[in-house]
């Protein structure tokens, strides 16, 4: 019996603390209240925490890939001119 009363007291103390915090306007729940929004926020936070220190490397690699692709298109369009320039320069 003593254990049940102790658990009940702990639950009541927790409820009063939560009520006091809400009265102080410290606790402000988000408007949606759905689990999907919470999961999206967690994933977003993890992604930004992970990429936060290495975003420059990612951006540089992305730009390099775009430049290589653009260069390949340029080679395909002006193949004859490039062959002439390379053969003359050697």
Protein backbone atom coordinates (compact mmCIF):
# COMPACT_ATOMS: atom_id res chain seq x y z
CA UNK A 1 0.00 0.00 0.00
CA UNK A 2 2.80 2.37 0.81
CA UNK A 3 4.30 1.95 -2.70
CA UNK A 4 1.00 2.79 -4.42
CA UNK A 5 0.58 5.94 -2.35
CA UNK A 6 4.14 7.01 -3.19
CA UNK A 7 3.55 6.56 -6.93
CA UNK A 8 0.30 8.49 -6.66
CA UNK A 9 2.10 11.36 -4.88
CA UNK A 10 4.79 11.44 -7.58
CA UNK A 11 2.15 11.62 -10.31
CA UNK A 12 0.35 14.42 -8.50
CA UNK A 13 3.59 16.37 -8.04
CA UNK A 14 4.37 16.00 -11.72
CA UNK A 15 0.89 17.22 -12.66
CA UNK A 16 1.20 20.30 -10.46
CA UNK A 17 4.65 21.12 -11.88
CA UNK A 18 3.34 20.86 -15.44
CA UNK A 19 0.39 23.07 -14.53
CA UNK A 20 2.67 25.70 -12.98
CA UNK A 21 4.92 25.72 -16.03
CA UNK A 22 1.96 26.22 -18.34
CA UNK A 23 0.68 29.07 -16.19
CA UNK A 24 4.04 30.81 -16.52
CA UNK A 25 3.77 30.58 -20.33
CA UNK A 26 7.15 28.91 -20.46
CA UNK A 27 5.71 25.83 -22.11
CA UNK A 28 4.29 26.62 -25.53
CA UNK A 29 3.30 23.56 -27.56
CA UNK A 30 3.49 23.78 -31.32
CA UNK A 31 0.26 24.32 -33.15
CA UNK A 32 0.05 21.04 -35.05
CA UNK A 33 0.52 18.43 -32.35
CA UNK A 34 1.00 15.54 -34.76
CA UNK A 35 3.79 12.98 -34.71
CA UNK A 36 4.60 13.49 -38.38
CA UNK A 37 5.63 17.10 -37.79
CA UNK A 38 7.82 16.02 -34.88
CA UNK A 39 9.50 13.34 -37.00
CA UNK A 40 10.12 15.79 -39.84
CA UNK A 41 11.65 18.26 -37.39
CA UNK A 42 13.92 15.56 -35.95
CA UNK A 43 15.12 14.43 -39.38
CA UNK A 44 15.70 18.03 -40.44
CA UNK A 45 17.73 18.71 -37.30
CA UNK A 46 19.84 15.58 -37.83
CA UNK A 47 20.53 16.47 -41.46
CA UNK A 48 21.60 20.02 -40.64
CA UNK A 49 23.69 18.84 -37.70
CA UNK A 50 25.46 16.31 -39.91
CA UNK A 51 26.00 18.56 -42.91
CA UNK A 52 26.73 21.66 -40.85
CA UNK A 53 30.46 21.10 -40.69
CA UNK A 54 30.93 19.66 -44.16
CA UNK A 55 28.62 21.77 -46.33
CA UNK A 56 31.51 23.42 -48.17
CA UNK A 57 32.86 20.06 -49.33
CA UNK A 58 29.43 19.05 -50.56
CA UNK A 59 28.89 22.33 -52.44
CA UNK A 60 32.34 22.17 -54.07
CA UNK A 61 31.80 18.57 -55.20
CA UNK A 62 28.38 19.48 -56.61
CA UNK A 63 29.80 22.43 -58.55
CA UNK A 64 32.64 20.26 -59.85
CA UNK A 65 30.19 17.65 -61.14
CA UNK A 66 28.12 20.35 -62.89
CA UNK A 67 31.26 21.80 -64.52
CA UNK A 68 32.37 18.37 -65.76
CA UNK A 69 28.94 17.69 -67.25
CA UNK A 70 28.93 21.10 -68.95
CA UNK A 71 32.45 20.41 -70.27
CA UNK A 72 31.36 17.08 -71.72
CA UNK A 73 28.51 18.78 -73.57
CA UNK A 74 30.94 21.39 -74.87
CA UNK A 75 33.32 18.69 -76.12
CA UNK A 76 30.49 16.91 -77.91
CA UNK A 77 29.42 20.13 -79.66
CA UNK A 78 32.87 21.36 -80.73
CA UNK A 79 34.73 18.08 -81.18
CA UNK A 80 36.34 19.04 -84.50
CA UNK A 81 37.66 22.37 -83.25
CA UNK A 82 39.12 20.74 -80.13
CA UNK A 83 40.87 18.06 -82.20
CA UNK A 84 42.40 20.75 -84.43
CA UNK A 85 43.57 22.83 -81.44
CA UNK A 86 45.07 19.82 -79.69
CA UNK A 87 46.84 18.59 -82.83
CA UNK A 88 48.29 22.04 -83.54
CA UNK A 89 49.50 22.55 -79.99
CA UNK A 90 51.51 19.31 -79.99
